[in-house]
Amino acid sequence: MKSLLVRFFLFSLVIAACSIAVTAWLASQATTGAIRQEQGEALETDAAIVDELVQYAATHKDWSGAKPTADEIARKYNRRIALADHNGKKLVDTGTDSSPQLPVTPRAVVDPLNVNGKIDPRAVGPFKLTDEEHRLLHAYAAQLTDCNRYITIVDAPNGRPRLSNDQPGNLSKWEDCTVGDRLYTMTATETAAYAELQTLFTKCIAEQEGDPSIVDKPPGKVTLDWETVTVRDSPPDVVSCMDTARREQLKPHVAEPVQLFLTQVTGNEPQSIDLSTTGTTRIALVALGILAIAGFASWLTATQLVRPIRALTAATKRTAEGDRTARVDGGAGEIGELAKSFNSMSEKLAETERQRQAMVSDVAHELRTPLGNITGWLEATQDGLAEPDPHLIAMLLEESLLLQRLVDDLHDLAQADAGTLRLHPEPIALDDVVDQVVNAQQNREILLRAETTPVHISADPVRLRQALGNLVANAVRYTPPGGEVVVKLFQRQDRAILEVTDTGTGIAPDDLPHVFDRFWRADKSRSRRTGGSGLGLAITRHLVEAHGGTVSVTSTLGEGSTFRISLPQV
């Protein structure tokens, strides 16, 4: 199981199987959801049709004139509507003579006095106000809203104006509006209807040998809406009598209960979707076929994938054994990118090895010269061929100092490579650092000056002087007598910019990418006395990057160069 080919193949099969299973499950869920949504929409349509028919029954005494209303509802919902009484006699049918027979079982019973066990509030019966009462109460309502603009008036099903549901009957809302009492005074129609309801209720209670005085006659003001008249906190028989009385009172004013048959316009019932065992078997067979195809494709893909990986493995082993010429052809895609990265790494290793060998050679050369001079003069002095006069001692001291600077530079580079180069940042005035470096590098043959503006940053002043000093020393070294070196300091947005510009020999475009390499000199014929150790610019780059900044160079051959340090001020 350690083979990548086998693992990739098995893993692909698992993914394919899981994908098929999830796809089948999602398809099943989507189908089920669509069916449920369709059924829900059908139920909503049926409920809306029943509600509109109940409204008609609640406001009409019979179904004799219901055909136009049924036709309109049928067109609205694109359904065929048929109504039949309890004997099965058809009362209303929006279908044609050629329509199929109606289903045996009705869809619902339309009864305004029994809608989910309750009386439909639109069945007003004797409580419906006369036109005169309607006009008078609405005149009172208009006066009340003029008196208090925060009051919202709505109509009850029987035509009585009243407060909306979100504004309960709190008289404090219009205590200064005298018209409020008149608005909520019962009309003659309502008084007669409540008296009739009281009589029917009393009769029911008397038949049950109860106390007919439990419900008093209606008060002078309406305290309960007529459609919710009940006896609160009363025994069940009292509540039952009130419900019976209300139904008996409303029965002559509403249409009789009827059976409702609903079909499609053609008369056919919609067919339900059924996932049979045959369909399930077909899905399973298709899934197995897809799994087989996926397995074959996975095997081919795995084979193509493993071949370049094996080539990469072999090339890696050769590289580990010291072969710096190992290369891989990975083709296209991610493996091709990996192969390119490996080839790039191999080339980089080869280049690094060449640089290492060159560096060892340069270091040996740089150390050999001052050591050779020191050794030779000391041997000459020991043999009596040279006198240890002040001039000789000064020359040997200069060679020792050159050797010490070279060792210090190599030490700084070693710390930078190891990531142990330590900084001690503190708030400093960068213009003071520039002045210190310029004063220390003054030369009688070259005009060296500074153009600064006050800039404050947090940095290591010693390391920053070292970095800037290397740039200034390099500019002075490559500027002929009579030339000029200018050190500029200014701000650009949130960056501090240091520029060292000279009028020296300049750098060729092909040499610019190597300026900051170790032991690199533009003029290969220059010695360490005229061209430096070749480490100053490399050290400067490391010091600037350690401060979070960048260093760059622009140059024109024969006209001069500009080295630029950019440091963050935060």
Protein backbone atom coordinates (compact mmCIF):
# COMPACT_ATOMS: atom_id res chain seq x y z
CA MET A 1 0.00 0.00 0.00
CA LYS A 2 3.06 2.26 -0.06
CA SER A 3 2.91 2.64 -3.84
CA LEU A 4 1.69 6.07 -4.88
CA LEU A 5 0.07 4.53 -7.95
CA VAL A 6 -2.05 2.12 -5.87
CA ARG A 7 -2.93 4.75 -3.28
CA PHE A 8 -3.91 7.28 -5.91
CA PHE A 9 -6.01 4.69 -7.73
CA LEU A 10 -7.85 3.59 -4.56
CA PHE A 11 -8.27 7.16 -3.44
CA SER A 12 -9.77 8.07 -6.82
CA LEU A 13 -12.20 5.16 -6.57
CA VAL A 14 -13.28 6.29 -3.10
CA ILE A 15 -13.80 9.84 -4.36
CA ALA A 16 -15.77 8.60 -7.37
CA ALA A 17 -17.96 6.37 -5.17
CA CYS A 18 -18.59 9.17 -2.69
CA SER A 19 -19.32 11.59 -5.54
CA ILE A 20 -21.85 9.20 -7.06
CA ALA A 21 -23.49 8.58 -3.69
CA VAL A 22 -23.68 12.27 -2.87
CA THR A 23 -24.96 13.10 -6.36
CA ALA A 24 -27.65 10.44 -6.10
CA TRP A 25 -28.62 11.65 -2.64
CA LEU A 26 -28.75 15.28 -3.77
CA ALA A 27 -30.82 14.31 -6.82
CA SER A 28 -33.19 12.36 -4.59
CA GLN A 29 -33.45 15.23 -2.14
CA ALA A 30 -33.97 17.75 -4.95
CA THR A 31 -36.68 15.57 -6.50
CA THR A 32 -38.34 15.08 -3.14
CA GLY A 33 -38.12 18.78 -2.45
CA ALA A 34 -39.62 19.62 -5.83
CA ILE A 35 -42.46 17.16 -5.21
CA ARG A 36 -43.10 18.59 -1.77
CA GLN A 37 -42.98 22.12 -3.12
CA GLU A 38 -45.42 21.23 -5.87
CA GLN A 39 -47.71 19.53 -3.37
CA GLY A 40 -47.39 22.52 -1.03
CA GLU A 41 -48.31 24.90 -3.82
CA ALA A 42 -51.29 22.69 -4.69
CA LEU A 43 -52.40 22.70 -1.05
CA GLU A 44 -52.04 26.48 -0.91
CA THR A 45 -54.15 26.79 -4.06
CA ASP A 46 -56.81 24.45 -2.64
CA ALA A 47 -56.85 26.42 0.63
CA ALA A 48 -57.25 29.70 -1.25
CA ILE A 49 -60.15 28.29 -3.30
CA VAL A 50 -61.87 26.97 -0.16
CA ASP A 51 -61.42 30.33 1.57
CA GLU A 52 -63.02 32.27 -1.29
CA LEU A 53 -65.94 29.82 -1.45
CA VAL A 54 -66.39 30.05 2.35
CA GLN A 55 -66.51 33.83 2.00
CA TYR A 56 -69.28 33.49 -0.56
CA ALA A 57 -71.19 31.05 1.65
CA ALA A 58 -70.81 33.34 4.69
CA THR A 59 -72.32 36.30 2.85
CA HIS A 60 -75.09 34.53 0.89
CA LYS A 61 -78.12 32.52 2.01
CA ASP A 62 -77.82 29.87 -0.75
CA TRP A 63 -75.74 28.75 -3.76
CA SER A 64 -78.25 29.71 -6.42
CA GLY A 65 -76.15 32.60 -7.75
CA ALA A 66 -72.70 31.10 -7.13
CA LYS A 67 -71.94 30.06 -10.73
CA PRO A 68 -70.31 33.38 -11.84
CA THR A 69 -68.21 33.48 -8.66
CA ALA A 70 -67.12 29.85 -9.11
CA ASP A 71 -66.21 30.49 -12.77
CA GLU A 72 -64.08 33.47 -11.77
CA ILE A 73 -62.28 31.47 -9.06
CA ALA A 74 -61.73 28.58 -11.50
CA ARG A 75 -60.14 30.89 -14.07
CA LYS A 76 -58.02 32.55 -11.38
CA TYR A 77 -56.49 29.29 -10.15
CA ASN A 78 -56.77 27.27 -13.37
CA ARG A 79 -58.82 24.54 -11.69
CA ARG A 80 -62.17 22.89 -12.27
CA ILE A 81 -64.60 23.53 -9.36
CA ALA A 82 -67.71 21.50 -8.61
CA LEU A 83 -70.07 21.86 -5.62
CA ALA A 84 -72.61 19.24 -4.51
CA ASP A 85 -75.01 19.04 -1.56
CA HIS A 86 -74.96 16.30 1.09
CA ASN A 87 -77.02 14.03 -1.20
CA GLY A 88 -74.49 14.32 -4.00
CA LYS A 89 -76.66 16.61 -6.14
CA LYS A 90 -74.49 18.86 -8.22
CA LEU A 91 -75.15 22.56 -7.47
CA VAL A 92 -72.30 24.27 -9.34
CA ASP A 93 -69.81 22.93 -11.91
CA THR A 94 -67.30 25.03 -13.87
CA GLY A 95 -66.56 22.09 -16.21
CA THR A 96 -68.16 21.40 -19.57
CA ASP A 97 -70.43 18.59 -20.68
CA SER A 98 -67.46 16.72 -22.11
CA SER A 99 -65.54 16.83 -18.83
CA PRO A 100 -64.86 13.48 -17.13
CA GLN A 101 -66.74 12.39 -14.04
CA LEU A 102 -65.84 13.95 -10.72
CA PRO A 103 -63.72 12.05 -8.18
CA VAL A 104 -65.61 9.89 -5.69
CA THR A 105 -64.09 11.66 -2.66
CA PRO A 106 -64.61 15.42 -2.27
CA ARG A 107 -61.57 17.59 -1.62
CA ALA A 108 -63.22 19.55 1.23
CA VAL A 109 -66.56 20.61 2.76
CA VAL A 110 -67.44 24.29 2.44
CA ASP A 111 -69.26 25.25 5.66
CA PRO A 112 -68.94 28.83 6.99
CA LEU A 113 -70.24 27.69 10.39
CA ASN A 114 -67.56 25.03 10.77
CA VAL A 115 -64.16 26.15 9.51
CA ASN A 116 -61.67 24.06 11.45
CA GLY A 117 -64.22 23.86 14.25
CA LYS A 118 -64.88 27.59 14.32
CA ILE A 119 -67.39 30.00 12.82
CA ASP A 120 -65.99 32.02 9.93
CA PRO A 121 -65.82 35.66 11.06
CA ARG A 122 -67.28 36.82 7.72
CA ALA A 123 -70.61 35.14 8.61
CA VAL A 124 -72.23 38.26 10.08
CA GLY A 125 -75.91 37.33 9.70
CA PRO A 126 -78.22 39.62 11.70
CA PHE A 127 -75.25 41.64 12.97
CA LYS A 128 -74.73 43.32 9.58
CA LEU A 129 -75.34 47.05 9.95
CA THR A 130 -77.86 48.91 7.86
CA ASP A 131 -76.67 51.51 5.39
CA GLU A 132 -77.80 54.31 7.71
CA GLU A 133 -76.01 52.81 10.73
CA HIS A 134 -72.90 52.26 8.62
CA ARG A 135 -72.96 55.89 7.47
CA LEU A 136 -73.53 57.26 10.98
CA LEU A 137 -70.79 55.22 12.67
CA HIS A 138 -68.27 56.07 9.98
CA ALA A 139 -69.11 59.76 10.47
CA TYR A 140 -68.27 59.28 14.17
CA ALA A 141 -65.06 57.47 13.20
CA ALA A 142 -64.03 60.36 10.96
CA GLN A 143 -64.61 62.82 13.82
CA LEU A 144 -62.56 60.61 16.14
CA THR A 145 -59.57 60.45 13.76
CA ASP A 146 -59.81 64.23 13.29
CA CYS A 147 -59.66 64.59 17.08
CA ASN A 148 -56.71 62.21 17.50
CA ARG A 149 -54.53 61.63 14.42
CA TYR A 150 -52.74 58.71 16.07
CA ILE A 151 -55.89 56.56 15.98
CA THR A 152 -56.28 54.00 13.17
CA ILE A 153 -59.82 52.83 12.35
CA VAL A 154 -60.64 49.59 10.49
CA ASP A 155 -63.95 47.94 9.58
CA ALA A 156 -65.22 44.77 11.26
CA PRO A 157 -66.84 42.18 8.97
CA ASN A 158 -70.32 43.49 9.85
CA GLY A 159 -69.34 47.02 8.76
CA ARG A 160 -68.72 48.52 12.23
CA PRO A 161 -65.66 50.81 12.45
CA ARG A 162 -63.27 49.97 15.27
CA LEU A 163 -59.66 50.33 16.37
CA SER A 164 -57.10 48.26 14.49
CA ASN A 165 -55.70 45.16 16.20
CA ASP A 166 -52.43 46.89 17.16
CA GLN A 167 -54.42 49.60 18.99
CA PRO A 168 -56.56 47.98 21.73
CA GLY A 169 -59.66 49.75 22.95
CA ASN A 170 -57.98 52.07 25.46
CA LEU A 171 -60.26 55.04 26.10
CA SER A 172 -57.28 57.08 27.31
CA LYS A 173 -56.34 57.48 23.68
CA TRP A 174 -59.36 59.70 23.07
CA GLU A 175 -60.45 60.74 26.58
CA ASP A 176 -60.74 64.31 25.32
CA CYS A 177 -62.76 63.20 22.27
CA THR A 178 -66.44 62.96 23.27
CA VAL A 179 -67.33 61.27 20.00
CA GLY A 180 -65.59 58.08 21.19
CA ASP A 181 -68.59 57.10 23.36
CA ARG A 182 -71.00 57.48 20.45
CA LEU A 183 -68.75 55.40 18.18
CA TYR A 184 -68.86 52.45 20.56
CA THR A 185 -72.56 52.62 21.38
CA MET A 186 -74.51 49.63 20.07
CA THR A 187 -76.82 50.20 17.13
CA ALA A 188 -80.42 49.01 16.94
CA THR A 189 -79.36 46.17 14.60
CA GLU A 190 -76.70 44.97 17.01
CA THR A 191 -79.01 45.31 20.02
CA ALA A 192 -81.66 43.19 18.32
CA ALA A 193 -79.05 40.61 17.23
CA TYR A 194 -77.62 40.33 20.73
CA ALA A 195 -81.14 40.02 22.18
CA GLU A 196 -81.83 37.18 19.76
CA LEU A 197 -78.52 35.55 20.71
CA GLN A 198 -79.42 35.94 24.41
CA THR A 199 -82.77 34.22 23.87
CA LEU A 200 -81.20 31.28 22.02
CA PHE A 201 -78.51 30.96 24.67
CA THR A 202 -81.04 31.10 27.54
CA LYS A 203 -83.11 28.42 25.85
CA CYS A 204 -80.07 26.15 25.54
CA ILE A 205 -79.14 26.65 29.17
CA ALA A 206 -82.70 26.03 30.31
CA GLU A 207 -82.76 22.76 28.34
CA GLN A 208 -79.62 21.71 30.20
CA GLU A 209 -81.21 22.81 33.55
CA GLY A 210 -78.46 25.41 33.96
CA ASP A 211 -78.56 29.02 35.16
CA PRO A 212 -79.63 31.35 32.36
CA SER A 213 -78.44 34.38 34.27
CA ILE A 214 -74.77 33.59 33.62
CA VAL A 215 -74.87 35.76 30.50
CA ASP A 216 -76.53 39.09 31.10
CA LYS A 217 -78.10 41.19 28.44
CA PRO A 218 -75.57 43.10 26.30
CA PRO A 219 -74.34 46.35 27.93
CA GLY A 220 -74.79 49.81 26.45
CA LYS A 221 -71.31 49.77 24.92
CA VAL A 222 -69.68 47.07 22.86
CA THR A 223 -66.99 45.43 25.01
CA LEU A 224 -66.45 42.34 22.79
CA ASP A 225 -66.51 41.95 19.04
CA TRP A 226 -69.67 40.20 17.96
CA GLU A 227 -67.79 37.43 16.15
CA THR A 228 -65.86 36.46 19.31
CA VAL A 229 -68.81 36.54 21.78
CA THR A 230 -68.18 33.87 24.38
CA VAL A 231 -68.42 33.28 28.08
CA ARG A 232 -64.99 33.37 29.62
CA ASP A 233 -63.95 31.20 32.58
CA SER A 234 -67.29 29.34 32.34
CA PRO A 235 -68.16 25.64 32.52
CA PRO A 236 -67.96 23.68 29.28
CA ASP A 237 -71.74 23.38 28.98
CA VAL A 238 -72.10 27.18 29.09
CA VAL A 239 -69.44 27.64 26.39
CA SER A 240 -71.11 24.92 24.32
CA CYS A 241 -74.49 26.65 24.62
CA MET A 242 -73.04 29.96 23.45
CA ASP A 243 -71.46 28.27 20.42
CA THR A 244 -74.70 26.43 19.63
CA ALA A 245 -76.73 29.62 19.96
CA ARG A 246 -74.44 31.50 17.58
CA ARG A 247 -74.58 28.76 14.95
CA GLU A 248 -78.37 28.53 15.23
CA GLN A 249 -78.68 32.31 14.91
CA LEU A 250 -76.39 32.47 11.82
CA LYS A 251 -77.69 29.35 10.04
CA PRO A 252 -80.59 31.07 8.18
CA HIS A 253 -78.20 33.76 6.91
CA VAL A 254 -75.50 31.57 5.31
CA ALA A 255 -75.44 29.03 2.51
CA GLU A 256 -75.82 25.36 3.37
CA PRO A 257 -72.69 23.17 3.64
CA VAL A 258 -71.61 21.68 0.31
CA GLN A 259 -69.02 19.19 -0.89
CA LEU A 260 -66.15 20.66 -2.94
CA PHE A 261 -64.57 18.70 -5.80
CA LEU A 262 -61.34 20.04 -7.34
CA THR A 263 -59.60 18.69 -10.43
CA GLN A 264 -57.45 19.96 -13.23
CA VAL A 265 -59.21 21.81 -16.01
CA THR A 266 -59.33 18.57 -18.00
CA GLY A 267 -60.76 16.75 -15.03
CA ASN A 268 -57.69 14.53 -14.49
CA GLU A 269 -56.05 14.24 -11.11
CA PRO A 270 -52.32 15.12 -11.10
CA GLN A 271 -50.17 12.00 -11.05
CA SER A 272 -47.73 11.61 -8.21
CA ILE A 273 -44.07 10.84 -8.84
CA ASP A 274 -42.95 7.43 -7.65
CA LEU A 275 -39.34 6.21 -7.51
CA SER A 276 -39.99 2.52 -8.09
CA THR A 277 -37.55 -0.33 -7.54
CA THR A 278 -36.95 -0.43 -11.30
CA GLY A 279 -35.78 3.18 -11.19
CA THR A 280 -33.59 2.43 -8.18
CA THR A 281 -31.99 -0.53 -9.98
CA ARG A 282 -31.35 1.62 -13.03
CA ILE A 283 -29.67 4.25 -10.85
CA ALA A 284 -27.50 1.57 -9.22
CA LEU A 285 -26.41 0.16 -12.61
CA VAL A 286 -25.57 3.61 -13.96
CA ALA A 287 -23.62 4.34 -10.77
CA LEU A 288 -21.60 1.12 -11.19
CA GLY A 289 -20.87 2.01 -14.82
CA ILE A 290 -19.70 5.47 -13.85
CA LEU A 291 -17.56 3.95 -11.09
CA ALA A 292 -15.90 1.60 -13.60
CA ILE A 293 -15.18 4.44 -16.02
CA ALA A 294 -13.86 6.58 -13.17
CA GLY A 295 -11.61 3.72 -12.05
CA PHE A 296 -10.15 3.26 -15.54
CA ALA A 297 -9.59 7.00 -15.94
CA SER A 298 -8.02 7.15 -12.47
CA TRP A 299 -5.61 4.35 -13.34
CA LEU A 300 -4.49 6.11 -16.53
CA THR A 301 -4.14 9.40 -14.68
CA ALA A 302 -2.20 7.77 -11.86
CA THR A 303 0.15 6.13 -14.35
CA GLN A 304 0.80 9.43 -16.08
CA LEU A 305 1.31 11.09 -12.71
CA VAL A 306 3.72 8.52 -11.29
CA ARG A 307 6.03 8.40 -14.32
CA PRO A 308 7.45 11.94 -13.97
CA ILE A 309 7.49 11.59 -10.18
CA ARG A 310 9.74 8.56 -10.52
CA ALA A 311 11.96 10.53 -12.88
CA LEU A 312 12.09 13.32 -10.31
CA THR A 313 13.03 10.82 -7.61
CA ALA A 314 15.91 9.47 -9.69
CA ALA A 315 17.14 12.98 -10.49
CA THR A 316 16.97 13.91 -6.81
CA LYS A 317 19.10 10.91 -5.88
CA ARG A 318 21.70 11.89 -8.50
CA THR A 319 21.72 15.45 -7.17
CA ALA A 320 22.20 14.19 -3.61
CA GLU A 321 25.20 12.17 -4.84
CA GLY A 322 26.82 15.35 -6.17
CA ASP A 323 25.60 15.47 -9.76
CA ARG A 324 24.75 19.14 -10.37
CA THR A 325 23.69 18.54 -14.00
CA ALA A 326 20.57 16.41 -13.26
CA ARG A 327 17.55 17.67 -15.18
CA VAL A 328 13.94 16.40 -15.59
CA ASP A 329 11.37 16.77 -18.36
CA GLY A 330 8.03 16.86 -16.54
CA GLY A 331 5.75 17.90 -19.38
CA ALA A 332 2.80 20.22 -18.69
CA GLY A 333 0.58 20.82 -15.68
CA GLU A 334 1.50 20.75 -12.00
CA ILE A 335 4.06 17.97 -12.49
CA GLY A 336 5.64 20.04 -15.24
CA GLU A 337 5.81 23.01 -12.86
CA LEU A 338 7.41 20.73 -10.26
CA ALA A 339 9.95 19.57 -12.82
CA LYS A 340 10.72 23.18 -13.76
CA SER A 341 11.15 24.02 -10.08
CA PHE A 342 13.52 21.07 -9.67
CA ASN A 343 15.55 22.11 -12.72
CA SER A 344 15.67 25.66 -11.40
CA MET A 345 16.80 24.36 -8.00
CA SER A 346 19.45 22.21 -9.64
CA GLU A 347 20.74 25.16 -11.64
CA LYS A 348 20.72 27.29 -8.50
CA LEU A 349 22.69 24.64 -6.65
CA ALA A 350 25.22 24.53 -9.47
CA GLU A 351 25.45 28.32 -9.46
CA THR A 352 25.77 28.35 -5.68
CA GLU A 353 28.54 25.79 -5.89
CA ARG A 354 30.35 27.92 -8.47
CA GLN A 355 29.89 31.00 -6.27
CA ARG A 356 31.13 29.05 -3.25
CA GLN A 357 34.24 27.98 -5.09
CA ALA A 358 34.80 31.51 -6.39
CA MET A 359 34.22 32.91 -2.91
CA VAL A 360 36.73 30.52 -1.36
CA SER A 361 39.22 31.51 -4.05
CA ASP A 362 38.54 35.24 -3.54
CA VAL A 363 38.77 34.96 0.23
CA ALA A 364 42.03 33.06 -0.06
CA HIS A 365 43.36 35.71 -2.44
CA GLU A 366 42.19 38.62 -0.29
CA LEU A 367 43.76 37.08 2.81
CA ARG A 368 46.93 35.95 1.06
CA THR A 369 47.97 39.45 -0.08
CA PRO A 370 48.03 41.27 3.29
CA LEU A 371 49.32 38.14 5.06
CA GLY A 372 52.06 37.78 2.43
CA ASN A 373 53.12 41.40 2.85
CA ILE A 374 53.16 41.15 6.62
CA THR A 375 55.05 37.83 6.58
CA GLY A 376 57.59 39.03 4.00
CA TRP A 377 58.48 42.28 5.83
CA LEU A 378 58.68 40.49 9.17
CA GLU A 379 61.05 37.89 7.71
CA ALA A 380 63.14 40.66 6.11
CA THR A 381 63.34 42.44 9.45
CA GLN A 382 64.27 39.18 11.19
CA ASP A 383 67.05 38.55 8.65
CA GLY A 384 68.34 42.10 9.04
CA LEU A 385 67.41 43.15 5.54
CA ALA A 386 64.97 45.81 6.72
CA GLU A 387 65.00 48.18 9.64
CA PRO A 388 61.89 48.27 11.92
CA ASP A 389 61.56 52.02 11.43
CA PRO A 390 58.22 53.91 11.88
CA HIS A 391 57.54 53.76 8.14
CA LEU A 392 57.73 49.95 8.10
CA ILE A 393 55.65 49.65 11.24
CA ALA A 394 53.00 51.98 9.76
CA MET A 395 52.92 49.91 6.54
CA LEU A 396 52.53 46.64 8.51
CA LEU A 397 49.80 48.26 10.63
CA GLU A 398 47.92 49.31 7.49
CA GLU A 399 48.11 45.76 6.14
CA SER A 400 46.81 44.45 9.48
CA LEU A 401 43.94 46.92 9.44
CA LEU A 402 43.04 45.87 5.90
CA LEU A 403 43.11 42.26 7.04
CA GLN A 404 40.97 43.11 10.08
CA ARG A 405 38.39 44.94 7.93
CA LEU A 406 38.19 41.96 5.59
CA VAL A 407 37.67 39.59 8.50
CA ASP A 408 35.02 41.90 9.99
CA ASP A 409 33.21 42.05 6.64
CA LEU A 410 33.25 38.27 6.35
CA HIS A 411 31.96 38.00 9.91
CA ASP A 412 29.08 40.39 9.17
CA LEU A 413 28.13 38.40 6.06
CA ALA A 414 28.27 35.14 8.00
CA GLN A 415 25.93 36.59 10.64
CA ALA A 416 23.53 37.83 7.94
CA ASP A 417 23.48 34.43 6.25
CA ALA A 418 22.86 32.67 9.57
CA GLY A 419 20.12 35.14 10.56
CA THR A 420 22.02 36.18 13.71
CA LEU A 421 22.81 39.74 12.65
CA ARG A 422 21.72 41.73 15.70
CA LEU A 423 20.29 45.24 15.54
CA HIS A 424 19.83 47.66 18.41
CA PRO A 425 17.20 50.10 17.14
CA GLU A 426 16.53 53.40 18.86
CA PRO A 427 14.95 56.73 17.86
CA ILE A 428 17.53 58.63 15.81
CA ALA A 429 17.76 61.76 13.67
CA LEU A 430 18.70 60.42 10.26
CA ASP A 431 20.13 63.77 9.13
CA ASP A 432 22.71 63.53 11.96
CA VAL A 433 23.80 60.10 10.66
CA VAL A 434 24.23 61.57 7.17
CA ASP A 435 26.34 64.45 8.52
CA GLN A 436 28.56 62.03 10.47
CA VAL A 437 29.18 59.82 7.41
CA VAL A 438 29.85 62.80 5.10
CA ASN A 439 32.29 64.38 7.56
CA ALA A 440 34.13 61.08 7.99
CA GLN A 441 34.51 60.54 4.21
CA GLN A 442 35.68 64.04 3.21
CA ASN A 443 38.23 64.01 0.38
CA ARG A 444 40.27 66.94 -0.92
CA GLU A 445 40.11 65.77 -4.52
CA ILE A 446 36.32 65.23 -4.61
CA LEU A 447 33.44 67.53 -3.61
CA LEU A 448 31.39 65.59 -1.04
CA ARG A 449 28.29 67.34 0.27
CA ALA A 450 24.92 66.56 1.89
CA GLU A 451 21.39 67.79 1.15
CA THR A 452 19.15 66.78 4.05
CA THR A 453 15.84 67.50 5.67
CA PRO A 454 15.03 66.55 9.29
CA VAL A 455 13.87 62.90 9.33
CA HIS A 456 13.40 60.76 12.44
CA ILE A 457 13.18 56.96 12.41
CA SER A 458 13.83 54.01 14.71
CA ALA A 459 17.02 52.22 13.63
CA ASP A 460 20.43 50.98 14.75
CA PRO A 461 22.63 54.08 14.28
CA VAL A 462 25.92 52.09 14.14
CA ARG A 463 24.70 49.65 11.47
CA LEU A 464 23.02 52.45 9.51
CA ARG A 465 26.27 54.46 9.47
CA GLN A 466 28.05 51.32 8.28
CA ALA A 467 25.57 50.78 5.42
CA LEU A 468 25.59 54.43 4.31
CA GLY A 469 29.37 54.64 4.79
CA ASN A 470 29.88 51.72 2.40
CA LEU A 471 27.81 53.49 -0.28
CA VAL A 472 29.61 56.81 0.19
CA ALA A 473 33.04 55.15 0.24
CA ASN A 474 32.17 53.23 -2.92
CA ALA A 475 31.01 56.46 -4.63
CA VAL A 476 34.19 58.32 -3.61
CA ARG A 477 36.35 55.41 -4.79
CA TYR A 478 34.81 55.38 -8.29
CA THR A 479 34.63 59.17 -8.76
CA PRO A 480 37.65 60.75 -10.46
CA PRO A 481 39.33 63.88 -9.00
CA GLY A 482 37.24 67.00 -9.53
CA GLY A 483 34.02 65.00 -9.41
CA GLU A 484 31.14 65.34 -6.99
CA VAL A 485 29.30 63.04 -4.59
CA VAL A 486 25.96 64.21 -3.14
CA VAL A 487 24.16 62.50 -0.26
CA LYS A 488 20.43 63.39 -0.15
CA LEU A 489 17.91 62.69 2.60
CA PHE A 490 14.17 63.30 2.18
CA GLN A 491 10.75 61.82 2.95
CA ARG A 492 8.36 60.20 0.49
CA GLN A 493 5.00 59.26 2.01
CA ASP A 494 5.87 57.03 5.01
CA ARG A 495 9.41 56.19 3.81
CA ALA A 496 12.79 57.79 4.51
CA ILE A 497 14.91 57.97 1.33
CA LEU A 498 18.71 58.14 1.26
CA GLU A 499 20.36 58.77 -2.12
CA VAL A 500 24.10 58.71 -2.86
CA THR A 501 24.76 60.19 -6.30
CA ASP A 502 28.22 60.42 -7.89
CA THR A 503 29.68 61.64 -11.17
CA GLY A 504 31.97 58.65 -11.50
CA THR A 505 32.53 56.06 -14.18
CA GLY A 506 29.09 54.50 -13.91
CA ILE A 507 28.13 50.84 -14.26
CA ALA A 508 27.36 48.93 -17.44
CA PRO A 509 23.74 47.68 -17.78
CA ASP A 510 24.93 44.03 -17.85
CA ASP A 511 26.75 44.55 -14.55
CA LEU A 512 23.91 46.22 -12.63
CA PRO A 513 22.26 42.93 -11.48
CA HIS A 514 25.56 41.87 -9.85
CA VAL A 515 26.41 45.08 -7.99
CA PHE A 516 25.37 43.68 -4.61
CA ASP A 517 27.04 40.26 -5.12
CA ARG A 518 30.01 39.31 -2.93
CA PHE A 519 33.53 39.96 -4.23
CA TRP A 520 32.11 41.56 -7.37
CA ARG A 521 33.97 44.44 -9.01
CA ALA A 522 32.97 46.24 -12.19
CA ASP A 523 36.63 46.53 -13.17
CA LYS A 524 38.22 43.10 -12.71
CA SER A 525 41.68 44.66 -12.94
CA ARG A 526 41.16 46.70 -9.76
CA SER A 527 42.97 45.42 -6.70
CA ARG A 528 41.72 45.43 -3.13
CA ARG A 529 43.50 48.79 -2.65
CA THR A 530 41.73 50.52 -5.53
CA GLY A 531 38.53 48.49 -5.67
CA GLY A 532 37.88 47.49 -2.07
CA SER A 533 37.24 43.97 -0.79
CA GLY A 534 34.10 43.48 -2.87
CA LEU A 535 31.98 42.90 0.24
CA GLY A 536 30.80 46.43 1.14
CA LEU A 537 27.72 46.56 -1.10
CA ALA A 538 26.69 43.02 -0.15
CA ILE A 539 26.91 44.01 3.54
CA THR A 540 24.92 47.18 2.87
CA ARG A 541 22.11 45.17 1.25
CA HIS A 542 21.89 42.84 4.27
CA LEU A 543 21.94 45.73 6.78
CA VAL A 544 19.20 47.65 4.94
CA GLU A 545 17.00 44.57 4.58
CA ALA A 546 17.48 43.84 8.30
CA HIS A 547 15.93 47.28 8.94
CA GLY A 548 12.94 46.37 6.74
CA GLY A 549 14.15 48.57 3.87
CA THR A 550 15.37 48.14 0.32
CA VAL A 551 18.45 49.26 -1.59
CA SER A 552 18.65 49.78 -5.35
CA VAL A 553 20.91 51.35 -7.97
CA THR A 554 20.54 53.21 -11.24
CA SER A 555 23.52 54.09 -13.37
CA THR A 556 24.58 55.47 -16.73
CA LEU A 557 27.94 54.32 -18.02
CA GLY A 558 30.39 57.26 -18.13
CA GLU A 559 28.03 59.63 -16.26
CA GLY A 560 27.69 58.26 -12.73
CA SER A 561 25.49 56.19 -10.44
CA THR A 562 22.78 56.69 -7.83
CA PHE A 563 22.35 54.26 -4.93
CA ARG A 564 19.03 54.60 -3.10
CA ILE A 565 18.11 53.31 0.38
CA SER A 566 14.42 53.27 1.33
CA LEU A 567 13.60 52.78 5.04
CA PRO A 568 10.23 52.57 6.80
CA GLN A 569 9.53 55.35 9.31
CA VAL A 570 7.21 53.24 11.47
